Amino acid sequence: DVVEMLGGQPNVVYQTYHYFYNNWKLQSTPSYEVWGDDFSDDFHTYGMQWEPGLITWFVDGEARNSFANNNVAAEDMYLLINLAVGGNWAGTPDSSTQLPAKFTIDYIRAYSND
């Protein structure tokens, strides 16, 4: 996850690496937190540099978190863009949930050294 946010916490960005290891069992790093102003007030840049054994996450061009481990995948992956409402982590929507929800993206860029 390059960036995850919970609607009730617009001042926190979460960054997590999920992978399958040990007989295809889902594993995850801790959800690293980046605290700041209300991230939903304006556009921000979120990035991830992925290299053998290391993932580094960025917020607005600044390296904020990293995970170094031999379990960092070396195979091709894909981007997933998602606006989830509800679920185990964020909880069930209630009367305070602002709907319709909006997920506005200005651009997405992916680079490769290949």
PDB file of N, CA and C in Angstrom:
ATOM      1  N   ASP A   1       0.853  -1.179   0.000  1.00  0.00           N
ATOM      2  CA  ASP A   1       0.000   0.000   0.000  1.00  0.00           C
ATOM      3  C   ASP A   1       0.896   1.239   0.000  1.00  0.00           C
ATOM      4  N   VAL A   2       0.872   1.958  -1.099  1.00  0.00           N
ATOM      5  CA  VAL A   2       1.623   3.211  -1.173  1.00  0.00           C
ATOM      6  C   VAL A   2       1.013   4.212  -0.201  1.00  0.00           C
ATOM      7  N   VAL A   3      -0.314   4.227  -0.150  1.00  0.00           N
ATOM      8  CA  VAL A   3      -1.015   5.113   0.776  1.00  0.00           C
ATOM      9  C   VAL A   3      -2.371   4.501   1.107  1.00  0.00           C
ATOM     10  N   GLU A   4      -2.713   4.539   2.374  1.00  0.00           N
ATOM     11  CA  GLU A   4      -4.050   4.185   2.842  1.00  0.00           C
ATOM     12  C   GLU A   4      -4.461   5.257   3.846  1.00  0.00           C
ATOM     13  N   MET A   5      -5.734   5.583   3.811  1.00  0.00           N
ATOM     14  CA  MET A   5      -6.269   6.555   4.772  1.00  0.00           C
ATOM     15  C   MET A   5      -7.602   6.039   5.281  1.00  0.00           C
ATOM     16  N   LEU A   6      -7.934   6.412   6.480  1.00  0.00           N
ATOM     17  CA  LEU A   6      -9.252   6.151   7.042  1.00  0.00           C
ATOM     18  C   LEU A   6      -9.993   7.480   7.074  1.00  0.00           C
ATOM     19  N   GLY A   7     -11.237   7.484   6.610  1.00  0.00           N
ATOM     20  CA  GLY A   7     -11.995   8.729   6.504  1.00  0.00           C
ATOM     21  C   GLY A   7     -12.105   9.509   7.794  1.00  0.00           C
ATOM     22  N   GLY A   8     -12.148   8.826   8.924  1.00  0.00           N
ATOM     23  CA  GLY A   8     -12.256   9.509  10.212  1.00  0.00           C
ATOM     24  C   GLY A   8     -10.924  10.015  10.739  1.00  0.00           C
ATOM     25  N   GLN A   9      -9.833   9.739  10.021  1.00  0.00           N
ATOM     26  CA  GLN A   9      -8.494  10.179  10.430  1.00  0.00           C
ATOM     27  C   GLN A   9      -7.769  10.800   9.240  1.00  0.00           C
ATOM     28  N   PRO A  10      -8.217  11.948   8.756  1.00  0.00           N
ATOM     29  CA  PRO A  10      -7.603  12.530   7.560  1.00  0.00           C
ATOM     30  C   PRO A  10      -6.189  13.070   7.776  1.00  0.00           C
ATOM     31  N   ASN A  11      -5.706  13.057   9.004  1.00  0.00           N
ATOM     32  CA  ASN A  11      -4.355  13.557   9.277  1.00  0.00           C
ATOM     33  C   ASN A  11      -3.332  12.423   9.414  1.00  0.00           C
ATOM     34  N   VAL A  12      -3.722  11.193   9.055  1.00  0.00           N
ATOM     35  CA  VAL A  12      -2.813  10.050   9.134  1.00  0.00           C
ATOM     36  C   VAL A  12      -2.820   9.303   7.805  1.00  0.00           C
ATOM     37  N   VAL A  13      -1.625   9.004   7.298  1.00  0.00           N
ATOM     38  CA  VAL A  13      -1.449   8.173   6.119  1.00  0.00           C
ATOM     39  C   VAL A  13      -0.781   6.890   6.596  1.00  0.00           C
ATOM     40  N   TYR A  14      -1.279   5.759   6.104  1.00  0.00           N
ATOM     41  CA  TYR A  14      -0.708   4.461   6.452  1.00  0.00           C
ATOM     42  C   TYR A  14      -0.002   3.886   5.232  1.00  0.00           C
ATOM     43  N   GLN A  15       1.139   3.239   5.470  1.00  0.00           N
ATOM     44  CA  GLN A  15       1.932   2.632   4.400  1.00  0.00           C
ATOM     45  C   GLN A  15       2.294   1.211   4.851  1.00  0.00           C
ATOM     46  N   THR A  16       1.937   0.221   4.018  1.00  0.00           N
ATOM     47  CA  THR A  16       2.070  -1.181   4.419  1.00  0.00           C
ATOM     48  C   THR A  16       2.530  -2.023   3.238  1.00  0.00           C
ATOM     49  N   TYR A  17       3.328  -3.026   3.515  1.00  0.00           N
ATOM     50  CA  TYR A  17       3.715  -4.014   2.501  1.00  0.00           C
ATOM     51  C   TYR A  17       3.033  -5.325   2.850  1.00  0.00           C
ATOM     52  N   HIS A  18       2.233  -5.841   1.920  1.00  0.00           N
ATOM     53  CA  HIS A  18       1.569  -7.134   2.065  1.00  0.00           C
ATOM     54  C   HIS A  18       2.225  -8.113   1.107  1.00  0.00           C
ATOM     55  N   TYR A  19       2.452  -9.318   1.556  1.00  0.00           N
ATOM     56  CA  TYR A  19       3.081 -10.308   0.701  1.00  0.00           C
ATOM     57  C   TYR A  19       2.659 -11.711   1.145  1.00  0.00           C
ATOM     58  N   PHE A  20       2.848 -12.665   0.246  1.00  0.00           N
ATOM     59  CA  PHE A  20       2.566 -14.061   0.562  1.00  0.00           C
ATOM     60  C   PHE A  20       3.887 -14.773   0.804  1.00  0.00           C
ATOM     61  N   TYR A  21       3.944 -15.498   1.888  1.00  0.00           N
ATOM     62  CA  TYR A  21       5.155 -16.204   2.261  1.00  0.00           C
ATOM     63  C   TYR A  21       4.738 -17.383   3.126  1.00  0.00           C
ATOM     64  N   ASN A  22       5.585 -18.339   3.290  1.00  0.00           N
ATOM     65  CA  ASN A  22       5.265 -19.517   4.095  1.00  0.00           C
ATOM     66  C   ASN A  22       3.970 -20.166   3.637  1.00  0.00           C
ATOM     67  N   ASN A  23       4.025 -20.913   2.559  1.00  0.00           N
ATOM     68  CA  ASN A  23       2.869 -21.641   2.028  1.00  0.00           C
ATOM     69  C   ASN A  23       1.716 -20.722   1.655  1.00  0.00           C
ATOM     70  N   TRP A  24       2.030 -19.592   1.046  1.00  0.00           N
ATOM     71  CA  TRP A  24       1.025 -18.650   0.538  1.00  0.00           C
ATOM     72  C   TRP A  24       0.142 -18.051   1.622  1.00  0.00           C
ATOM     73  N   LYS A  25       0.671 -17.912   2.807  1.00  0.00           N
ATOM     74  CA  LYS A  25      -0.065 -17.260   3.893  1.00  0.00           C
ATOM     75  C   LYS A  25       0.202 -15.755   3.802  1.00  0.00           C
ATOM     76  N   LEU A  26      -0.856 -14.963   3.843  1.00  0.00           N
ATOM     77  CA  LEU A  26      -0.702 -13.512   3.749  1.00  0.00           C
ATOM     78  C   LEU A  26       0.050 -12.973   4.958  1.00  0.00           C
ATOM     79  N   GLN A  27       1.075 -12.197   4.679  1.00  0.00           N
ATOM     80  CA  GLN A  27       1.875 -11.540   5.706  1.00  0.00           C
ATOM     81  C   GLN A  27       1.818 -10.034   5.456  1.00  0.00           C
ATOM     82  N   SER A  28       2.018  -9.247   6.476  1.00  0.00           N
ATOM     83  CA  SER A  28       2.052  -7.796   6.318  1.00  0.00           C
ATOM     84  C   SER A  28       3.063  -7.204   7.283  1.00  0.00           C
ATOM     85  N   THR A  29       3.675  -6.113   6.850  1.00  0.00           N
ATOM     86  CA  THR A  29       4.486  -5.337   7.779  1.00  0.00           C
ATOM     87  C   THR A  29       3.517  -4.601   8.697  1.00  0.00           C
ATOM     88  N   PRO A  30       4.015  -3.966   9.728  1.00  0.00           N
ATOM     89  CA  PRO A  30       3.131  -3.047  10.458  1.00  0.00           C
ATOM     90  C   PRO A  30       2.637  -1.972   9.486  1.00  0.00           C
ATOM     91  N   SER A  31       1.507  -1.386   9.754  1.00  0.00           N
ATOM     92  CA  SER A  31       1.037  -0.242   8.959  1.00  0.00           C
ATOM     93  C   SER A  31       1.759   0.985   9.486  1.00  0.00           C
ATOM     94  N   TYR A  32       2.814   1.378   8.777  1.00  0.00           N
ATOM     95  CA  TYR A  32       3.605   2.530   9.201  1.00  0.00           C
ATOM     96  C   TYR A  32       2.749   3.790   9.087  1.00  0.00           C
ATOM     97  N   GLU A  33       2.818   4.649  10.065  1.00  0.00           N
ATOM     98  CA  GLU A  33       1.990   5.849  10.094  1.00  0.00           C
ATOM     99  C   GLU A  33       2.806   7.089   9.749  1.00  0.00           C
ATOM    100  N   VAL A  34       2.188   7.975   8.985  1.00  0.00           N
ATOM    101  CA  VAL A  34       2.739   9.304   8.721  1.00  0.00           C
ATOM    102  C   VAL A  34       1.674  10.291   9.187  1.00  0.00           C
ATOM    103  N   TRP A  35       2.000  11.085  10.177  1.00  0.00           N
ATOM    104  CA  TRP A  35       1.070  12.070  10.727  1.00  0.00           C
ATOM    105  C   TRP A  35       1.344  13.431  10.120  1.00  0.00           C
ATOM    106  N   GLY A  36       0.309  14.194   9.885  1.00  0.00           N
ATOM    107  CA  GLY A  36       0.464  15.524   9.320  1.00  0.00           C
ATOM    108  C   GLY A  36      -0.829  16.307   9.426  1.00  0.00           C
ATOM    109  N   ASP A  37      -0.922  17.335   8.610  1.00  0.00           N
ATOM    110  CA  ASP A  37      -2.159  18.097   8.536  1.00  0.00           C
ATOM    111  C   ASP A  37      -3.211  17.242   7.845  1.00  0.00           C
ATOM    112  N   ASP A  38      -4.359  17.780   7.622  1.00  0.00           N
ATOM    113  CA  ASP A  38      -5.447  17.071   6.953  1.00  0.00           C
ATOM    114  C   ASP A  38      -5.042  16.778   5.510  1.00  0.00           C
ATOM    115  N   PHE A  39      -4.661  15.524   5.230  1.00  0.00           N
ATOM    116  CA  PHE A  39      -4.217  15.134   3.897  1.00  0.00           C
ATOM    117  C   PHE A  39      -5.324  15.242   2.863  1.00  0.00           C
ATOM    118  N   SER A  40      -6.577  15.304   3.300  1.00  0.00           N
ATOM    119  CA  SER A  40      -7.684  15.392   2.356  1.00  0.00           C
ATOM    120  C   SER A  40      -7.974  16.819   1.909  1.00  0.00           C
ATOM    121  N   ASP A  41      -7.272  17.793   2.493  1.00  0.00           N
ATOM    122  CA  ASP A  41      -7.502  19.205   2.146  1.00  0.00           C
ATOM    123  C   ASP A  41      -6.895  19.615   0.814  1.00  0.00           C
ATOM    124  N   ASP A  42      -5.894  18.871   0.334  1.00  0.00           N
ATOM    125  CA  ASP A  42      -5.190  19.262  -0.886  1.00  0.00           C
ATOM    126  C   ASP A  42      -4.554  18.021  -1.500  1.00  0.00           C
ATOM    127  N   PHE A  43      -4.045  18.167  -2.718  1.00  0.00           N
ATOM    128  CA  PHE A  43      -3.332  17.068  -3.357  1.00  0.00           C
ATOM    129  C   PHE A  43      -1.973  16.883  -2.700  1.00  0.00           C
ATOM    130  N   HIS A  44      -1.531  15.635  -2.632  1.00  0.00           N
ATOM    131  CA  HIS A  44      -0.213  15.280  -2.116  1.00  0.00           C
ATOM    132  C   HIS A  44       0.364  14.221  -3.043  1.00  0.00           C
ATOM    133  N   THR A  45       1.671  14.041  -2.972  1.00  0.00           N
ATOM    134  CA  THR A  45       2.294  12.972  -3.734  1.00  0.00           C
ATOM    135  C   THR A  45       2.682  11.857  -2.768  1.00  0.00           C
ATOM    136  N   TYR A  46       2.413  10.646  -3.199  1.00  0.00           N
ATOM    137  CA  TYR A  46       2.742   9.459  -2.424  1.00  0.00           C
ATOM    138  C   TYR A  46       3.542   8.553  -3.331  1.00  0.00           C
ATOM    139  N   GLY A  47       4.605   7.995  -2.815  1.00  0.00           N
ATOM    140  CA  GLY A  47       5.447   7.169  -3.650  1.00  0.00           C
ATOM    141  C   GLY A  47       6.011   5.984  -2.912  1.00  0.00           C
ATOM    142  N   MET A  48       6.493   5.046  -3.715  1.00  0.00           N
ATOM    143  CA  MET A  48       7.136   3.854  -3.175  1.00  0.00           C
ATOM    144  C   MET A  48       8.277   3.489  -4.110  1.00  0.00           C
ATOM    145  N   GLN A  49       9.446   3.313  -3.553  1.00  0.00           N
ATOM    146  CA  GLN A  49      10.583   2.817  -4.326  1.00  0.00           C
ATOM    147  C   GLN A  49      10.782   1.363  -3.919  1.00  0.00           C
ATOM    148  N   TRP A  50      10.722   0.496  -4.909  1.00  0.00           N
ATOM    149  CA  TRP A  50      10.776  -0.944  -4.672  1.00  0.00           C
ATOM    150  C   TRP A  50      12.030  -1.488  -5.329  1.00  0.00           C
ATOM    151  N   GLU A  51      12.904  -2.068  -4.543  1.00  0.00           N
ATOM    152  CA  GLU A  51      14.127  -2.660  -5.056  1.00  0.00           C
ATOM    153  C   GLU A  51      14.392  -3.956  -4.296  1.00  0.00           C
ATOM    154  N   PRO A  52      15.284  -4.814  -4.785  1.00  0.00           N
ATOM    155  CA  PRO A  52      15.509  -6.094  -4.105  1.00  0.00           C
ATOM    156  C   PRO A  52      15.814  -5.915  -2.621  1.00  0.00           C
ATOM    157  N   GLY A  53      14.958  -6.503  -1.790  1.00  0.00           N
ATOM    158  CA  GLY A  53      15.171  -6.480  -0.348  1.00  0.00           C
ATOM    159  C   GLY A  53      14.782  -5.192   0.357  1.00  0.00           C
ATOM    160  N   LEU A  54      14.248  -4.201  -0.351  1.00  0.00           N
ATOM    161  CA  LEU A  54      13.959  -2.917   0.295  1.00  0.00           C
ATOM    162  C   LEU A  54      12.782  -2.195  -0.368  1.00  0.00           C
ATOM    163  N   ILE A  55      11.886  -1.710   0.450  1.00  0.00           N
ATOM    164  CA  ILE A  55      10.822  -0.819   0.009  1.00  0.00           C
ATOM    165  C   ILE A  55      10.944   0.463   0.820  1.00  0.00           C
ATOM    166  N   THR A  56      10.891   1.601   0.134  1.00  0.00           N
ATOM    167  CA  THR A  56      10.907   2.902   0.791  1.00  0.00           C
ATOM    168  C   THR A  56       9.655   3.656   0.366  1.00  0.00           C
ATOM    169  N   TRP A  57       8.917   4.183   1.343  1.00  0.00           N
ATOM    170  CA  TRP A  57       7.703   4.957   1.071  1.00  0.00           C
ATOM    171  C   TRP A  57       7.993   6.448   1.216  1.00  0.00           C
ATOM    172  N   PHE A  58       7.325   7.252   0.384  1.00  0.00           N
ATOM    173  CA  PHE A  58       7.509   8.698   0.365  1.00  0.00           C
ATOM    174  C   PHE A  58       6.164   9.400   0.519  1.00  0.00           C
ATOM    175  N   VAL A  59       6.190  10.557   1.148  1.00  0.00           N
ATOM    176  CA  VAL A  59       5.045  11.465   1.176  1.00  0.00           C
ATOM    177  C   VAL A  59       5.578  12.839   0.800  1.00  0.00           C
ATOM    178  N   ASP A  60       5.017  13.412  -0.241  1.00  0.00           N
ATOM    179  CA  ASP A  60       5.437  14.723  -0.748  1.00  0.00           C
ATOM    180  C   ASP A  60       6.946  14.805  -0.962  1.00  0.00           C
ATOM    181  N   GLY A  61       7.494  13.736  -1.557  1.00  0.00           N
ATOM    182  CA  GLY A  61       8.906  13.704  -1.935  1.00  0.00           C
ATOM    183  C   GLY A  61       9.873  13.361  -0.822  1.00  0.00           C
ATOM    184  N   GLU A  62       9.384  13.175   0.391  1.00  0.00           N
ATOM    185  CA  GLU A  62      10.248  12.886   1.536  1.00  0.00           C
ATOM    186  C   GLU A  62      10.110  11.425   1.946  1.00  0.00           C
ATOM    187  N   ALA A  63      11.246  10.716   2.047  1.00  0.00           N
ATOM    188  CA  ALA A  63      11.218   9.327   2.513  1.00  0.00           C
ATOM    189  C   ALA A  63      10.700   9.306   3.944  1.00  0.00           C
ATOM    190  N   ARG A  64       9.652   8.526   4.180  1.00  0.00           N
ATOM    191  CA  ARG A  64       9.025   8.511   5.502  1.00  0.00           C
ATOM    192  C   ARG A  64       9.113   7.171   6.204  1.00  0.00           C
ATOM    193  N   ASN A  65       9.121   6.071   5.462  1.00  0.00           N
ATOM    194  CA  ASN A  65       9.188   4.747   6.064  1.00  0.00           C
ATOM    195  C   ASN A  65       9.941   3.810   5.126  1.00  0.00           C
ATOM    196  N   SER A  66      10.488   2.731   5.697  1.00  0.00           N
ATOM    197  CA  SER A  66      11.142   1.734   4.856  1.00  0.00           C
ATOM    198  C   SER A  66      11.025   0.363   5.508  1.00  0.00           C
ATOM    199  N   PHE A  67      11.134  -0.649   4.663  1.00  0.00           N
ATOM    200  CA  PHE A  67      11.095  -2.041   5.107  1.00  0.00           C
ATOM    201  C   PHE A  67      12.191  -2.782   4.359  1.00  0.00           C
ATOM    202  N   ALA A  68      13.161  -3.305   5.084  1.00  0.00           N
ATOM    203  CA  ALA A  68      14.266  -4.062   4.487  1.00  0.00           C
ATOM    204  C   ALA A  68      14.151  -5.506   4.957  1.00  0.00           C
ATOM    205  N   ASN A  69      14.042  -6.437   3.968  1.00  0.00           N
ATOM    206  CA  ASN A  69      13.865  -7.830   4.321  1.00  0.00           C
ATOM    207  C   ASN A  69      14.022  -8.672   3.056  1.00  0.00           C
ATOM    208  N   ASN A  70      14.514  -9.883   3.204  1.00  0.00           N
ATOM    209  CA  ASN A  70      14.629 -10.772   2.046  1.00  0.00           C
ATOM    210  C   ASN A  70      13.265 -11.173   1.493  1.00  0.00           C
ATOM    211  N   ASN A  71      12.178 -10.904   2.213  1.00  0.00           N
ATOM    212  CA  ASN A  71      10.839 -11.261   1.754  1.00  0.00           C
ATOM    213  C   ASN A  71      10.262 -10.233   0.781  1.00  0.00           C
ATOM    214  N   VAL A  72      10.970  -9.152   0.510  1.00  0.00           N
ATOM    215  CA  VAL A  72      10.475  -8.186  -0.472  1.00  0.00           C
ATOM    216  C   VAL A  72      10.470  -8.865  -1.830  1.00  0.00           C
ATOM    217  N   ALA A  73       9.306  -8.880  -2.451  1.00  0.00           N
ATOM    218  CA  ALA A  73       9.101  -9.629  -3.683  1.00  0.00           C
ATOM    219  C   ALA A  73      10.036  -9.167  -4.796  1.00  0.00           C
ATOM    220  N   ALA A  74      10.452 -10.132  -5.613  1.00  0.00           N
ATOM    221  CA  ALA A  74      11.314  -9.832  -6.754  1.00  0.00           C
ATOM    222  C   ALA A  74      10.587 -10.061  -8.079  1.00  0.00           C
ATOM    223  N   GLU A  75       9.320 -10.469  -8.021  1.00  0.00           N
ATOM    224  CA  GLU A  75       8.577 -10.701  -9.261  1.00  0.00           C
ATOM    225  C   GLU A  75       7.752  -9.472  -9.635  1.00  0.00           C
ATOM    226  N   ASP A  76       7.247  -9.486 -10.876  1.00  0.00           N
ATOM    227  CA  ASP A  76       6.406  -8.379 -11.332  1.00  0.00           C
ATOM    228  C   ASP A  76       5.169  -8.248 -10.451  1.00  0.00           C
ATOM    229  N   MET A  77       4.731  -7.023 -10.253  1.00  0.00           N
ATOM    230  CA  MET A  77       3.522  -6.740  -9.487  1.00  0.00           C
ATOM    231  C   MET A  77       2.664  -5.782 -10.294  1.00  0.00           C
ATOM    232  N   TYR A  78       1.549  -5.375  -9.736  1.00  0.00           N
ATOM    233  CA  TYR A  78       0.647  -4.459 -10.415  1.00  0.00           C
ATOM    234  C   TYR A  78       0.138  -3.420  -9.428  1.00  0.00           C
ATOM    235  N   LEU A  79      -0.380  -2.322  -9.975  1.00  0.00           N
ATOM    236  CA  LEU A  79      -0.955  -1.264  -9.146  1.00  0.00           C
ATOM    237  C   LEU A  79      -2.431  -1.549  -8.905  1.00  0.00           C
ATOM    238  N   LEU A  80      -2.881  -1.242  -7.714  1.00  0.00           N
ATOM    239  CA  LEU A  80      -4.284  -1.361  -7.354  1.00  0.00           C
ATOM    240  C   LEU A  80      -4.727  -0.018  -6.803  1.00  0.00           C
ATOM    241  N   ILE A  81      -5.770   0.528  -7.378  1.00  0.00           N
ATOM    242  CA  ILE A  81      -6.313   1.811  -6.938  1.00  0.00           C
ATOM    243  C   ILE A  81      -7.687   1.508  -6.346  1.00  0.00           C
ATOM    244  N   ASN A  82      -7.935   1.944  -5.123  1.00  0.00           N
ATOM    245  CA  ASN A  82      -9.126   1.485  -4.428  1.00  0.00           C
ATOM    246  C   ASN A  82      -9.668   2.559  -3.489  1.00  0.00           C
ATOM    247  N   LEU A  83     -10.971   2.700  -3.482  1.00  0.00           N
ATOM    248  CA  LEU A  83     -11.664   3.482  -2.462  1.00  0.00           C
ATOM    249  C   LEU A  83     -12.602   2.521  -1.763  1.00  0.00           C
ATOM    250  N   ALA A  84     -12.209   2.061  -0.609  1.00  0.00           N
ATOM    251  CA  ALA A  84     -13.017   1.101   0.142  1.00  0.00           C
ATOM    252  C   ALA A  84     -13.878   1.846   1.149  1.00  0.00           C
ATOM    253  N   VAL A  85     -15.096   1.394   1.289  1.00  0.00           N
ATOM    254  CA  VAL A  85     -16.003   1.932   2.310  1.00  0.00           C
ATOM    255  C   VAL A  85     -16.405   0.760   3.185  1.00  0.00           C
ATOM    256  N   GLY A  86     -16.081   0.842   4.464  1.00  0.00           N
ATOM    257  CA  GLY A  86     -16.389  -0.245   5.389  1.00  0.00           C
ATOM    258  C   GLY A  86     -15.242  -1.224   5.474  1.00  0.00           C
ATOM    259  N   GLY A  87     -15.533  -2.413   5.934  1.00  0.00           N
ATOM    260  CA  GLY A  87     -14.516  -3.439   6.078  1.00  0.00           C
ATOM    261  C   GLY A  87     -14.055  -3.573   7.516  1.00  0.00           C
ATOM    262  N   ASN A  88     -13.247  -4.582   7.764  1.00  0.00           N
ATOM    263  CA  ASN A  88     -12.791  -4.867   9.125  1.00  0.00           C
ATOM    264  C   ASN A  88     -11.965  -3.744   9.723  1.00  0.00           C
ATOM    265  N   TRP A  89     -11.096  -3.141   8.930  1.00  0.00           N
ATOM    266  CA  TRP A  89     -10.183  -2.141   9.472  1.00  0.00           C
ATOM    267  C   TRP A  89     -10.877  -0.802   9.689  1.00  0.00           C
ATOM    268  N   ALA A  90     -11.549  -0.305   8.681  1.00  0.00           N
ATOM    269  CA  ALA A  90     -12.188   1.017   8.777  1.00  0.00           C
ATOM    270  C   ALA A  90     -13.500   0.971   9.555  1.00  0.00           C
ATOM    271  N   GLY A  91     -14.115  -0.174   9.622  1.00  0.00           N
ATOM    272  CA  GLY A  91     -15.380  -0.301  10.338  1.00  0.00           C
ATOM    273  C   GLY A  91     -16.575  -0.072   9.435  1.00  0.00           C
ATOM    274  N   THR A  92     -17.726  -0.409   9.937  1.00  0.00           N
ATOM    275  CA  THR A  92     -18.969  -0.298   9.187  1.00  0.00           C
ATOM    276  C   THR A  92     -19.397   1.164   9.075  1.00  0.00           C
ATOM    277  N   PRO A  93     -19.787   1.611   7.880  1.00  0.00           N
ATOM    278  CA  PRO A  93     -20.293   2.982   7.737  1.00  0.00           C
ATOM    279  C   PRO A  93     -21.520   3.198   8.641  1.00  0.00           C
ATOM    280  N   ASP A  94     -21.660   4.410   9.137  1.00  0.00           N
ATOM    281  CA  ASP A  94     -22.824   4.741   9.950  1.00  0.00           C
ATOM    282  C   ASP A  94     -23.365   6.096   9.523  1.00  0.00           C
ATOM    283  N   SER A  95     -24.204   6.702  10.319  1.00  0.00           N
ATOM    284  CA  SER A  95     -24.833   7.970   9.942  1.00  0.00           C
ATOM    285  C   SER A  95     -23.842   9.119   9.826  1.00  0.00           C
ATOM    286  N   SER A  96     -22.643   8.972  10.403  1.00  0.00           N
ATOM    287  CA  SER A  96     -21.639  10.040  10.297  1.00  0.00           C
ATOM    288  C   SER A  96     -20.776   9.893   9.038  1.00  0.00           C
ATOM    289  N   THR A  97     -20.913   8.781   8.328  1.00  0.00           N
ATOM    290  CA  THR A  97     -20.119   8.528   7.115  1.00  0.00           C
ATOM    291  C   THR A  97     -20.605   9.434   5.994  1.00  0.00           C
ATOM    292  N   GLN A  98     -19.683  10.208   5.414  1.00  0.00           N
ATOM    293  CA  GLN A  98     -20.042  11.102   4.313  1.00  0.00           C
ATOM    294  C   GLN A  98     -20.130  10.309   3.018  1.00  0.00           C
ATOM    295  N   LEU A  99     -21.329  10.255   2.475  1.00  0.00           N
ATOM    296  CA  LEU A  99     -21.552   9.590   1.197  1.00  0.00           C
ATOM    297  C   LEU A  99     -22.296  10.544   0.278  1.00  0.00           C
ATOM    298  N   PRO A 100     -22.047  10.583  -0.989  1.00  0.00           N
ATOM    299  CA  PRO A 100     -21.110   9.686  -1.662  1.00  0.00           C
ATOM    300  C   PRO A 100     -19.664  10.037  -1.324  1.00  0.00           C
ATOM    301  N   ALA A 101     -18.826   9.023  -1.275  1.00  0.00           N
ATOM    302  CA  ALA A 101     -17.401   9.211  -1.021  1.00  0.00           C
ATOM    303  C   ALA A 101     -16.711   9.575  -2.327  1.00  0.00           C
ATOM    304  N   LYS A 102     -15.658  10.400  -2.240  1.00  0.00           N
ATOM    305  CA  LYS A 102     -14.913  10.797  -3.434  1.00  0.00           C
ATOM    306  C   LYS A 102     -13.445  10.419  -3.272  1.00  0.00           C
ATOM    307  N   PHE A 103     -12.873   9.971  -4.376  1.00  0.00           N
ATOM    308  CA  PHE A 103     -11.460   9.611  -4.429  1.00  0.00           C
ATOM    309  C   PHE A 103     -10.915  10.279  -5.683  1.00  0.00           C
ATOM    310  N   THR A 104     -10.267  11.409  -5.526  1.00  0.00           N
ATOM    311  CA  THR A 104      -9.808  12.201  -6.669  1.00  0.00           C
ATOM    312  C   THR A 104      -8.300  12.033  -6.831  1.00  0.00           C
ATOM    313  N   ILE A 105      -7.894  11.598  -8.013  1.00  0.00           N
ATOM    314  CA  ILE A 105      -6.477  11.374  -8.314  1.00  0.00           C
ATOM    315  C   ILE A 105      -6.110  12.266  -9.483  1.00  0.00           C
ATOM    316  N   ASP A 106      -5.055  13.047  -9.333  1.00  0.00           N
ATOM    317  CA  ASP A 106      -4.598  13.915 -10.420  1.00  0.00           C
ATOM    318  C   ASP A 106      -3.813  13.117 -11.455  1.00  0.00           C
ATOM    319  N   TYR A 107      -2.888  12.264 -11.017  1.00  0.00           N
ATOM    320  CA  TYR A 107      -2.111  11.447 -11.946  1.00  0.00           C
ATOM    321  C   TYR A 107      -1.468  10.283 -11.199  1.00  0.00           C
ATOM    322  N   ILE A 108      -1.075   9.272 -11.952  1.00  0.00           N
ATOM    323  CA  ILE A 108      -0.333   8.128 -11.440  1.00  0.00           C
ATOM    324  C   ILE A 108       0.829   7.895 -12.398  1.00  0.00           C
ATOM    325  N   ARG A 109       2.010   7.723 -11.830  1.00  0.00           N
ATOM    326  CA  ARG A 109       3.194   7.425 -12.647  1.00  0.00           C
ATOM    327  C   ARG A 109       3.873   6.184 -12.101  1.00  0.00           C
ATOM    328  N   ALA A 110       4.357   5.351 -12.990  1.00  0.00           N
ATOM    329  CA  ALA A 110       5.135   4.175 -12.616  1.00  0.00           C
ATOM    330  C   ALA A 110       6.401   4.163 -13.457  1.00  0.00           C
ATOM    331  N   TYR A 111       7.525   3.918 -12.829  1.00  0.00           N
ATOM    332  CA  TYR A 111       8.812   3.908 -13.511  1.00  0.00           C
ATOM    333  C   TYR A 111       9.461   2.547 -13.317  1.00  0.00           C
ATOM    334  N   SER A 112      10.295   2.169 -14.268  1.00  0.00           N
ATOM    335  CA  SER A 112      11.027   0.920 -14.185  1.00  0.00           C
ATOM    336  C   SER A 112      12.465   1.158 -14.639  1.00  0.00           C
ATOM    337  N   ASN A 113      13.384   0.448 -14.033  1.00  0.00           N
ATOM    338  CA  ASN A 113      14.783   0.521 -14.449  1.00  0.00           C
ATOM    339  C   ASN A 113      15.074  -0.429 -15.599  1.00  0.00           C
ATOM    340  N   ASP A 114      14.093  -1.218 -16.012  1.00  0.00           N
ATOM    341  CA  ASP A 114      14.285  -2.183 -17.106  1.00  0.00           C
ATOM    342  C   ASP A 114      14.326  -1.495 -18.441  1.00  0.00           C
TER     343      ASP A 114
END
